[in-house]
Full PDB file with SEQRES, HELIX, SHEET, SSBOND, CRYST1, ORIGX, SCALE, CONECT and MASTER records, all heavy atoms in Angstrom:
SEQRES   1 A   35  TYR ASP GLU THR CYS PHE GLU CYS SER LYS LEU ILE THR          
SEQRES   2 A   35  ASN LYS TYR SER THR SER PHE SER LEU GLY ILE LYS ALA          
SEQRES   3 A   35  PHE ASP LYS GLY PHE GLN TYR PRO ILE                          
HELIX    1 AA1 ASP A    2  TYR A   16  1                                  15    
HELIX    2 AA2 THR A   18  LYS A   25  1                                   8    
HELIX    3 AA3 LYS A   29  GLN A   32  1                                   4    
CRYST1    1.000    1.000    1.000  90.00  90.00  90.00 P 1           1          
ORIGX1      1.000000  0.000000  0.000000        0.00000                         
ORIGX2      0.000000  1.000000  0.000000        0.00000                         
ORIGX3      0.000000  0.000000  1.000000        0.00000                         
SCALE1      1.000000  0.000000  0.000000        0.00000                         
SCALE2      0.000000  1.000000  0.000000        0.00000                         
SCALE3      0.000000  0.000000  1.000000        0.00000                         
ATOM      1  N   TYR A   1      39.216 324.774  66.110  1.00  0.00           N  
ATOM      2  CA  TYR A   1      37.870 324.270  66.486  1.00  0.00           C  
ATOM      3  C   TYR A   1      37.192 323.526  65.381  1.00  0.00           C  
ATOM      4  O   TYR A   1      36.609 322.541  65.572  1.00  0.00           O  
ATOM      5  CB  TYR A   1      37.002 325.529  66.920  1.00  0.00           C  
ATOM      6  CG  TYR A   1      35.607 325.092  67.329  1.00  0.00           C  
ATOM      7  CD1 TYR A   1      35.418 324.352  68.479  1.00  0.00           C  
ATOM      8  CD2 TYR A   1      34.464 325.531  66.585  1.00  0.00           C  
ATOM      9  CE1 TYR A   1      34.124 323.900  68.830  1.00  0.00           C  
ATOM     10  CE2 TYR A   1      33.241 325.058  66.916  1.00  0.00           C  
ATOM     11  CZ  TYR A   1      33.039 324.269  68.010  1.00  0.00           C  
ATOM     12  OH  TYR A   1      31.782 323.918  68.399  1.00  0.00           O  
ATOM     13  N   ASP A   2      37.223 324.165  64.150  1.00  0.00           N  
ATOM     14  CA  ASP A   2      36.604 323.499  63.002  1.00  0.00           C  
ATOM     15  C   ASP A   2      37.145 322.031  62.776  1.00  0.00           C  
ATOM     16  O   ASP A   2      36.391 321.082  62.589  1.00  0.00           O  
ATOM     17  CB  ASP A   2      36.758 324.338  61.779  1.00  0.00           C  
ATOM     18  CG  ASP A   2      35.932 325.656  61.838  1.00  0.00           C  
ATOM     19  OD1 ASP A   2      35.071 325.713  62.631  1.00  0.00           O  
ATOM     20  OD2 ASP A   2      36.350 326.516  61.001  1.00  0.00           O  
ATOM     21  N   GLU A   3      38.398 321.972  62.808  1.00  0.00           N  
ATOM     22  CA  GLU A   3      39.131 320.689  62.616  1.00  0.00           C  
ATOM     23  C   GLU A   3      38.811 319.681  63.620  1.00  0.00           C  
ATOM     24  O   GLU A   3      38.488 318.573  63.295  1.00  0.00           O  
ATOM     25  CB  GLU A   3      40.705 320.850  62.569  1.00  0.00           C  
ATOM     26  CG  GLU A   3      41.367 319.624  62.167  1.00  0.00           C  
ATOM     27  CD  GLU A   3      42.847 319.791  62.036  1.00  0.00           C  
ATOM     28  OE1 GLU A   3      43.360 320.934  62.224  1.00  0.00           O  
ATOM     29  OE2 GLU A   3      43.587 318.883  61.715  1.00  0.00           O  
ATOM     30  N   THR A   4      38.711 320.156  64.848  1.00  0.00           N  
ATOM     31  CA  THR A   4      38.364 319.302  66.020  1.00  0.00           C  
ATOM     32  C   THR A   4      36.936 318.752  65.879  1.00  0.00           C  
ATOM     33  O   THR A   4      36.637 317.554  66.034  1.00  0.00           O  
ATOM     34  CB  THR A   4      38.487 320.001  67.322  1.00  0.00           C  
ATOM     35  OG1 THR A   4      39.803 320.473  67.583  1.00  0.00           O  
ATOM     36  CG2 THR A   4      38.181 319.136  68.450  1.00  0.00           C  
ATOM     37  N   CYS A   5      35.990 319.613  65.368  1.00  0.00           N  
ATOM     38  CA  CYS A   5      34.674 319.155  65.152  1.00  0.00           C  
ATOM     39  C   CYS A   5      34.552 318.066  64.054  1.00  0.00           C  
ATOM     40  O   CYS A   5      33.854 317.056  64.206  1.00  0.00           O  
ATOM     41  CB  CYS A   5      33.755 320.359  64.882  1.00  0.00           C  
ATOM     42  SG  CYS A   5      33.546 321.539  66.218  1.00  0.00           S  
ATOM     43  N   PHE A   6      35.261 318.372  63.010  1.00  0.00           N  
ATOM     44  CA  PHE A   6      35.231 317.352  61.897  1.00  0.00           C  
ATOM     45  C   PHE A   6      35.960 316.016  62.359  1.00  0.00           C  
ATOM     46  O   PHE A   6      35.447 314.955  61.966  1.00  0.00           O  
ATOM     47  CB  PHE A   6      36.016 317.836  60.650  1.00  0.00           C  
ATOM     48  CG  PHE A   6      35.201 318.753  59.807  1.00  0.00           C  
ATOM     49  CD1 PHE A   6      35.357 320.162  59.756  1.00  0.00           C  
ATOM     50  CD2 PHE A   6      34.175 318.236  59.005  1.00  0.00           C  
ATOM     51  CE1 PHE A   6      34.626 320.980  59.018  1.00  0.00           C  
ATOM     52  CE2 PHE A   6      33.341 319.057  58.238  1.00  0.00           C  
ATOM     53  CZ  PHE A   6      33.550 320.408  58.232  1.00  0.00           C  
ATOM     54  N   GLU A   7      36.939 316.139  63.190  1.00  0.00           N  
ATOM     55  CA  GLU A   7      37.486 314.928  63.638  1.00  0.00           C  
ATOM     56  C   GLU A   7      36.575 314.138  64.662  1.00  0.00           C  
ATOM     57  O   GLU A   7      36.743 312.957  64.634  1.00  0.00           O  
ATOM     58  CB  GLU A   7      38.877 315.304  64.457  1.00  0.00           C  
ATOM     59  CG  GLU A   7      40.032 315.678  63.563  1.00  0.00           C  
ATOM     60  CD  GLU A   7      40.640 314.412  62.854  1.00  0.00           C  
ATOM     61  OE1 GLU A   7      40.546 313.260  63.349  1.00  0.00           O  
ATOM     62  OE2 GLU A   7      41.087 314.575  61.677  1.00  0.00           O  
ATOM     63  N   CYS A   8      35.750 314.937  65.314  1.00  0.00           N  
ATOM     64  CA  CYS A   8      34.741 314.110  66.104  1.00  0.00           C  
ATOM     65  C   CYS A   8      33.826 313.284  65.282  1.00  0.00           C  
ATOM     66  O   CYS A   8      33.551 312.144  65.571  1.00  0.00           O  
ATOM     67  CB  CYS A   8      33.872 315.136  66.945  1.00  0.00           C  
ATOM     68  SG  CYS A   8      34.773 315.919  68.353  1.00  0.00           S  
ATOM     69  N   SER A   9      33.359 313.886  64.130  1.00  0.00           N  
ATOM     70  CA  SER A   9      32.577 313.151  63.215  1.00  0.00           C  
ATOM     71  C   SER A   9      33.230 311.943  62.617  1.00  0.00           C  
ATOM     72  O   SER A   9      32.683 310.890  62.312  1.00  0.00           O  
ATOM     73  CB  SER A   9      31.951 314.070  62.148  1.00  0.00           C  
ATOM     74  OG  SER A   9      31.048 314.942  62.727  1.00  0.00           O  
ATOM     75  N   LYS A  10      34.554 312.188  62.331  1.00  0.00           N  
ATOM     76  CA  LYS A  10      35.372 311.029  61.827  1.00  0.00           C  
ATOM     77  C   LYS A  10      35.433 309.952  62.821  1.00  0.00           C  
ATOM     78  O   LYS A  10      35.345 308.763  62.442  1.00  0.00           O  
ATOM     79  CB  LYS A  10      36.763 311.623  61.429  1.00  0.00           C  
ATOM     80  CG  LYS A  10      37.699 310.544  60.893  1.00  0.00           C  
ATOM     81  CD  LYS A  10      39.056 311.162  60.634  1.00  0.00           C  
ATOM     82  CE  LYS A  10      40.070 310.055  60.091  1.00  0.00           C  
ATOM     83  NZ  LYS A  10      41.328 310.701  59.788  1.00  0.00           N  
ATOM     84  N   LEU A  11      35.653 310.235  64.100  1.00  0.00           N  
ATOM     85  CA  LEU A  11      35.752 309.281  65.119  1.00  0.00           C  
ATOM     86  C   LEU A  11      34.394 308.503  65.211  1.00  0.00           C  
ATOM     87  O   LEU A  11      34.488 307.276  65.309  1.00  0.00           O  
ATOM     88  CB  LEU A  11      36.090 309.911  66.487  1.00  0.00           C  
ATOM     89  CG  LEU A  11      36.103 309.062  67.728  1.00  0.00           C  
ATOM     90  CD1 LEU A  11      37.166 307.981  67.535  1.00  0.00           C  
ATOM     91  CD2 LEU A  11      36.271 309.855  68.965  1.00  0.00           C  
ATOM     92  N   ILE A  12      33.331 309.177  65.183  1.00  0.00           N  
ATOM     93  CA  ILE A  12      32.024 308.615  65.271  1.00  0.00           C  
ATOM     94  C   ILE A  12      31.800 307.579  64.047  1.00  0.00           C  
ATOM     95  O   ILE A  12      31.446 306.434  64.252  1.00  0.00           O  
ATOM     96  CB  ILE A  12      30.871 309.575  65.159  1.00  0.00           C  
ATOM     97  CG1 ILE A  12      30.891 310.480  66.411  1.00  0.00           C  
ATOM     98  CG2 ILE A  12      29.519 308.996  64.915  1.00  0.00           C  
ATOM     99  CD1 ILE A  12      30.064 311.690  66.329  1.00  0.00           C  
ATOM    100  N   THR A  13      32.275 308.059  62.845  1.00  0.00           N  
ATOM    101  CA  THR A  13      32.106 307.117  61.727  1.00  0.00           C  
ATOM    102  C   THR A  13      32.975 305.911  61.899  1.00  0.00           C  
ATOM    103  O   THR A  13      32.479 304.704  61.628  1.00  0.00           O  
ATOM    104  CB  THR A  13      32.583 307.861  60.429  1.00  0.00           C  
ATOM    105  OG1 THR A  13      31.918 309.116  60.296  1.00  0.00           O  
ATOM    106  CG2 THR A  13      32.300 307.078  59.231  1.00  0.00           C  
ATOM    107  N   ASN A  14      34.186 306.086  62.374  1.00  0.00           N  
ATOM    108  CA  ASN A  14      35.116 304.889  62.504  1.00  0.00           C  
ATOM    109  C   ASN A  14      34.577 303.926  63.559  1.00  0.00           C  
ATOM    110  O   ASN A  14      34.797 302.715  63.484  1.00  0.00           O  
ATOM    111  CB  ASN A  14      36.536 305.341  62.830  1.00  0.00           C  
ATOM    112  CG  ASN A  14      37.177 306.072  61.697  1.00  0.00           C  
ATOM    113  OD1 ASN A  14      36.862 305.864  60.524  1.00  0.00           O  
ATOM    114  ND2 ASN A  14      38.164 306.970  62.010  1.00  0.00           N  
ATOM    115  N   LYS A  15      34.036 304.544  64.640  1.00  0.00           N  
ATOM    116  CA  LYS A  15      33.559 303.655  65.733  1.00  0.00           C  
ATOM    117  C   LYS A  15      32.218 302.889  65.351  1.00  0.00           C  
ATOM    118  O   LYS A  15      32.078 301.718  65.700  1.00  0.00           O  
ATOM    119  CB  LYS A  15      33.207 304.589  66.950  1.00  0.00           C  
ATOM    120  CG  LYS A  15      34.427 305.040  67.732  1.00  0.00           C  
ATOM    121  CD  LYS A  15      35.089 303.826  68.450  1.00  0.00           C  
ATOM    122  CE  LYS A  15      36.203 304.366  69.331  1.00  0.00           C  
ATOM    123  NZ  LYS A  15      36.839 303.297  70.142  1.00  0.00           N  
ATOM    124  N   TYR A  16      31.428 303.534  64.556  1.00  0.00           N  
ATOM    125  CA  TYR A  16      30.089 302.969  64.283  1.00  0.00           C  
ATOM    126  C   TYR A  16      30.075 302.092  62.968  1.00  0.00           C  
ATOM    127  O   TYR A  16      29.244 301.152  62.864  1.00  0.00           O  
ATOM    128  CB  TYR A  16      29.093 304.012  64.123  1.00  0.00           C  
ATOM    129  CG  TYR A  16      28.414 304.468  65.410  1.00  0.00           C  
ATOM    130  CD1 TYR A  16      28.948 305.496  66.087  1.00  0.00           C  
ATOM    131  CD2 TYR A  16      27.303 303.857  66.010  1.00  0.00           C  
ATOM    132  CE1 TYR A  16      28.356 306.024  67.317  1.00  0.00           C  
ATOM    133  CE2 TYR A  16      26.811 304.231  67.114  1.00  0.00           C  
ATOM    134  CZ  TYR A  16      27.331 305.293  67.877  1.00  0.00           C  
ATOM    135  OH  TYR A  16      26.796 305.688  69.060  1.00  0.00           O  
ATOM    136  N   SER A  17      30.892 302.339  61.965  1.00  0.00           N  
ATOM    137  CA  SER A  17      30.735 301.617  60.679  1.00  0.00           C  
ATOM    138  C   SER A  17      32.045 301.388  60.027  1.00  0.00           C  
ATOM    139  O   SER A  17      32.720 302.301  59.520  1.00  0.00           O  
ATOM    140  CB  SER A  17      29.830 302.496  59.765  1.00  0.00           C  
ATOM    141  OG  SER A  17      29.764 301.874  58.555  1.00  0.00           O  
ATOM    142  N   THR A  18      32.441 300.086  60.007  1.00  0.00           N  
ATOM    143  CA  THR A  18      33.592 299.695  59.280  1.00  0.00           C  
ATOM    144  C   THR A  18      33.394 299.879  57.709  1.00  0.00           C  
ATOM    145  O   THR A  18      34.343 300.367  57.042  1.00  0.00           O  
ATOM    146  CB  THR A  18      33.875 298.209  59.468  1.00  0.00           C  
ATOM    147  OG1 THR A  18      34.031 297.926  60.841  1.00  0.00           O  
ATOM    148  CG2 THR A  18      35.167 297.767  58.820  1.00  0.00           C  
ATOM    149  N   SER A  19      32.224 299.638  57.292  1.00  0.00           N  
ATOM    150  CA  SER A  19      31.929 299.676  55.865  1.00  0.00           C  
ATOM    151  C   SER A  19      32.152 301.126  55.384  1.00  0.00           C  
ATOM    152  O   SER A  19      32.819 301.399  54.372  1.00  0.00           O  
ATOM    153  CB  SER A  19      30.457 299.211  55.566  1.00  0.00           C  
ATOM    154  OG  SER A  19      30.317 297.890  55.992  1.00  0.00           O  
ATOM    155  N   PHE A  20      31.375 302.086  55.971  1.00  0.00           N  
ATOM    156  CA  PHE A  20      31.463 303.481  55.473  1.00  0.00           C  
ATOM    157  C   PHE A  20      32.848 304.068  55.768  1.00  0.00           C  
ATOM    158  O   PHE A  20      33.359 304.972  55.016  1.00  0.00           O  
ATOM    159  CB  PHE A  20      30.379 304.328  56.123  1.00  0.00           C  
ATOM    160  CG  PHE A  20      28.991 304.015  55.595  1.00  0.00           C  
ATOM    161  CD1 PHE A  20      27.992 303.361  56.247  1.00  0.00           C  
ATOM    162  CD2 PHE A  20      28.743 304.366  54.245  1.00  0.00           C  
ATOM    163  CE1 PHE A  20      26.773 303.081  55.745  1.00  0.00           C  
ATOM    164  CE2 PHE A  20      27.511 304.081  53.650  1.00  0.00           C  
ATOM    165  CZ  PHE A  20      26.533 303.479  54.458  1.00  0.00           C  
ATOM    166  N   SER A  21      33.481 303.662  56.837  1.00  0.00           N  
ATOM    167  CA  SER A  21      34.880 304.250  57.131  1.00  0.00           C  
ATOM    168  C   SER A  21      35.857 303.883  56.033  1.00  0.00           C  
ATOM    169  O   SER A  21      36.569 304.768  55.571  1.00  0.00           O  
ATOM    170  CB  SER A  21      35.414 303.605  58.498  1.00  0.00           C  
ATOM    171  OG  SER A  21      34.573 304.051  59.594  1.00  0.00           O  
ATOM    172  N   LEU A  22      35.881 302.636  55.579  1.00  0.00           N  
ATOM    173  CA  LEU A  22      36.761 302.221  54.549  1.00  0.00           C  
ATOM    174  C   LEU A  22      36.316 302.931  53.205  1.00  0.00           C  
ATOM    175  O   LEU A  22      37.240 303.410  52.480  1.00  0.00           O  
ATOM    176  CB  LEU A  22      36.677 300.760  54.326  1.00  0.00           C  
ATOM    177  CG  LEU A  22      37.429 299.864  55.395  1.00  0.00           C  
ATOM    178  CD1 LEU A  22      37.137 298.381  55.209  1.00  0.00           C  
ATOM    179  CD2 LEU A  22      38.920 300.110  55.371  1.00  0.00           C  
ATOM    180  N   GLY A  23      35.097 303.057  52.970  1.00  0.00           N  
ATOM    181  CA  GLY A  23      34.679 303.747  51.809  1.00  0.00           C  
ATOM    182  C   GLY A  23      35.093 305.180  51.722  1.00  0.00           C  
ATOM    183  O   GLY A  23      35.554 305.738  50.715  1.00  0.00           O  
ATOM    184  N   ILE A  24      34.935 305.908  52.853  1.00  0.00           N  
ATOM    185  CA  ILE A  24      35.247 307.333  52.900  1.00  0.00           C  
ATOM    186  C   ILE A  24      36.727 307.498  52.738  1.00  0.00           C  
ATOM    187  O   ILE A  24      37.206 308.510  52.096  1.00  0.00           O  
ATOM    188  CB  ILE A  24      34.842 307.978  54.305  1.00  0.00           C  
ATOM    189  CG1 ILE A  24      33.264 307.994  54.332  1.00  0.00           C  
ATOM    190  CG2 ILE A  24      35.424 309.386  54.403  1.00  0.00           C  
ATOM    191  CD1 ILE A  24      32.728 308.351  55.617  1.00  0.00           C  
ATOM    192  N   LYS A  25      37.557 306.547  53.217  1.00  0.00           N  
ATOM    193  CA  LYS A  25      39.036 306.680  53.018  1.00  0.00           C  
ATOM    194  C   LYS A  25      39.428 306.684  51.572  1.00  0.00           C  
ATOM    195  O   LYS A  25      40.578 306.993  51.171  1.00  0.00           O  
ATOM    196  CB  LYS A  25      39.747 305.572  53.843  1.00  0.00           C  
ATOM    197  CG  LYS A  25      39.736 305.751  55.280  1.00  0.00           C  
ATOM    198  CD  LYS A  25      40.537 304.638  56.022  1.00  0.00           C  
ATOM    199  CE  LYS A  25      40.644 304.838  57.443  1.00  0.00           C  
ATOM    200  NZ  LYS A  25      39.378 304.836  58.140  1.00  0.00           N  
ATOM    201  N   ALA A  26      38.523 306.106  50.705  1.00  0.00           N  
ATOM    202  CA  ALA A  26      38.837 306.018  49.255  1.00  0.00           C  
ATOM    203  C   ALA A  26      38.564 307.329  48.550  1.00  0.00           C  
ATOM    204  O   ALA A  26      38.845 307.454  47.284  1.00  0.00           O  
ATOM    205  CB  ALA A  26      38.116 304.833  48.699  1.00  0.00           C  
ATOM    206  N   PHE A  27      37.831 308.208  49.143  1.00  0.00           N  
ATOM    207  CA  PHE A  27      37.587 309.490  48.573  1.00  0.00           C  
ATOM    208  C   PHE A  27      38.819 310.308  48.431  1.00  0.00           C  
ATOM    209  O   PHE A  27      39.779 310.202  49.294  1.00  0.00           O  
ATOM    210  CB  PHE A  27      36.593 310.308  49.349  1.00  0.00           C  
ATOM    211  CG  PHE A  27      35.150 309.740  49.363  1.00  0.00           C  
ATOM    212  CD1 PHE A  27      34.423 309.679  50.498  1.00  0.00           C  
ATOM    213  CD2 PHE A  27      34.642 309.263  48.182  1.00  0.00           C  
ATOM    214  CE1 PHE A  27      33.147 309.151  50.501  1.00  0.00           C  
ATOM    215  CE2 PHE A  27      33.255 308.831  48.086  1.00  0.00           C  
ATOM    216  CZ  PHE A  27      32.590 308.707  49.249  1.00  0.00           C  
ATOM    217  N   ASP A  28      38.962 311.243  47.542  1.00  0.00           N  
ATOM    218  CA  ASP A  28      40.031 312.245  47.517  1.00  0.00           C  
ATOM    219  C   ASP A  28      39.888 313.045  48.864  1.00  0.00           C  
ATOM    220  O   ASP A  28      38.799 313.204  49.341  1.00  0.00           O  
ATOM    221  CB  ASP A  28      39.837 313.241  46.326  1.00  0.00           C  
ATOM    222  CG  ASP A  28      40.322 312.644  45.082  1.00  0.00           C  
ATOM    223  OD1 ASP A  28      40.818 311.475  45.081  1.00  0.00           O  
ATOM    224  OD2 ASP A  28      40.215 313.350  43.974  1.00  0.00           O  
ATOM    225  N   LYS A  29      41.024 313.476  49.396  1.00  0.00           N  
ATOM    226  CA  LYS A  29      40.999 314.045  50.722  1.00  0.00           C  
ATOM    227  C   LYS A  29      40.058 315.118  50.868  1.00  0.00           C  
ATOM    228  O   LYS A  29      39.444 315.272  52.065  1.00  0.00           O  
ATOM    229  CB  LYS A  29      42.397 314.540  51.053  1.00  0.00           C  
ATOM    230  CG  LYS A  29      42.688 314.793  52.465  1.00  0.00           C  
ATOM    231  CD  LYS A  29      44.220 315.017  52.814  1.00  0.00           C  
ATOM    232  CE  LYS A  29      44.363 315.233  54.267  1.00  0.00           C  
ATOM    233  NZ  LYS A  29      44.044 314.131  55.104  1.00  0.00           N  
ATOM    234  N   GLY A  30      39.771 315.970  49.894  1.00  0.00           N  
ATOM    235  CA  GLY A  30      38.919 317.121  50.095  1.00  0.00           C  
ATOM    236  C   GLY A  30      37.500 316.743  50.319  1.00  0.00           C  
ATOM    237  O   GLY A  30      36.659 317.543  50.791  1.00  0.00           O  
ATOM    238  N   PHE A  31      37.078 315.502  49.988  1.00  0.00           N  
ATOM    239  CA  PHE A  31      35.708 315.016  50.211  1.00  0.00           C  
ATOM    240  C   PHE A  31      35.535 314.324  51.578  1.00  0.00           C  
ATOM    241  O   PHE A  31      34.415 314.111  51.947  1.00  0.00           O  
ATOM    242  CB  PHE A  31      35.322 314.127  49.060  1.00  0.00           C  
ATOM    243  CG  PHE A  31      35.214 314.706  47.762  1.00  0.00           C  
ATOM    244  CD1 PHE A  31      36.229 314.520  46.817  1.00  0.00           C  
ATOM    245  CD2 PHE A  31      34.145 315.483  47.408  1.00  0.00           C  
ATOM    246  CE1 PHE A  31      36.191 315.142  45.520  1.00  0.00           C  
ATOM    247  CE2 PHE A  31      34.011 316.065  46.085  1.00  0.00           C  
ATOM    248  CZ  PHE A  31      35.013 315.874  45.205  1.00  0.00           C  
ATOM    249  N   GLN A  32      36.574 313.992  52.241  1.00  0.00           N  
ATOM    250  CA  GLN A  32      36.497 313.123  53.385  1.00  0.00           C  
ATOM    251  C   GLN A  32      35.862 313.808  54.559  1.00  0.00           C  
ATOM    252  O   GLN A  32      34.878 313.276  55.214  1.00  0.00           O  
ATOM    253  CB  GLN A  32      37.953 312.532  53.825  1.00  0.00           C  
ATOM    254  CG  GLN A  32      38.415 311.537  52.816  1.00  0.00           C  
ATOM    255  CD  GLN A  32      39.782 311.085  53.123  1.00  0.00           C  
ATOM    256  OE1 GLN A  32      40.237 311.208  54.264  1.00  0.00           O  
ATOM    257  NE2 GLN A  32      40.500 310.448  52.183  1.00  0.00           N  
ATOM    258  N   TYR A  33      36.337 314.914  55.013  1.00  0.00           N  
ATOM    259  CA  TYR A  33      35.673 315.665  56.137  1.00  0.00           C  
ATOM    260  C   TYR A  33      34.179 315.889  55.985  1.00  0.00           C  
ATOM    261  O   TYR A  33      33.434 315.679  56.823  1.00  0.00           O  
ATOM    262  CB  TYR A  33      36.510 316.921  56.472  1.00  0.00           C  
ATOM    263  CG  TYR A  33      37.547 316.781  57.456  1.00  0.00           C  
ATOM    264  CD1 TYR A  33      38.492 317.826  57.628  1.00  0.00           C  
ATOM    265  CD2 TYR A  33      37.747 315.607  58.343  1.00  0.00           C  
ATOM    266  CE1 TYR A  33      39.565 317.727  58.546  1.00  0.00           C  
ATOM    267  CE2 TYR A  33      38.726 315.568  59.182  1.00  0.00           C  
ATOM    268  CZ  TYR A  33      39.622 316.595  59.417  1.00  0.00           C  
ATOM    269  OH  TYR A  33      40.667 316.472  60.331  1.00  0.00           O  
ATOM    270  N   PRO A  34      33.807 316.432  54.774  1.00  0.00           N  
ATOM    271  CA  PRO A  34      32.388 316.698  54.557  1.00  0.00           C  
ATOM    272  C   PRO A  34      31.475 315.483  54.731  1.00  0.00           C  
ATOM    273  O   PRO A  34      30.443 315.478  55.344  1.00  0.00           O  
ATOM    274  CB  PRO A  34      32.288 317.257  53.182  1.00  0.00           C  
ATOM    275  CG  PRO A  34      33.659 317.864  52.954  1.00  0.00           C  
ATOM    276  CD  PRO A  34      34.574 316.962  53.649  1.00  0.00           C  
ATOM    277  N   ILE A  35      31.921 314.277  54.245  1.00  0.00           N  
ATOM    278  CA  ILE A  35      31.204 313.091  54.329  1.00  0.00           C  
ATOM    279  C   ILE A  35      31.117 312.564  55.804  1.00  0.00           C  
ATOM    280  O   ILE A  35      30.148 312.018  56.306  1.00  0.00           O  
ATOM    281  CB  ILE A  35      31.641 312.039  53.342  1.00  0.00           C  
ATOM    282  CG1 ILE A  35      31.577 312.507  51.879  1.00  0.00           C  
ATOM    283  CG2 ILE A  35      30.895 310.757  53.503  1.00  0.00           C  
ATOM    284  CD1 ILE A  35      30.128 312.975  51.439  1.00  0.00           C  
TER     285      ILE A  35                                                      
MASTER        0    0    0    3    0    0    0    6  284    1    0    3          
END                                                                             
């Protein structure tokens, strides 16, 4: 459930913002879901 919720926020980010999506992908993996 937790992972699914974070994936929902990831999907929202990817749909709404190319800029922030690419920036977040550059974070170390442990920082990506929280952002």
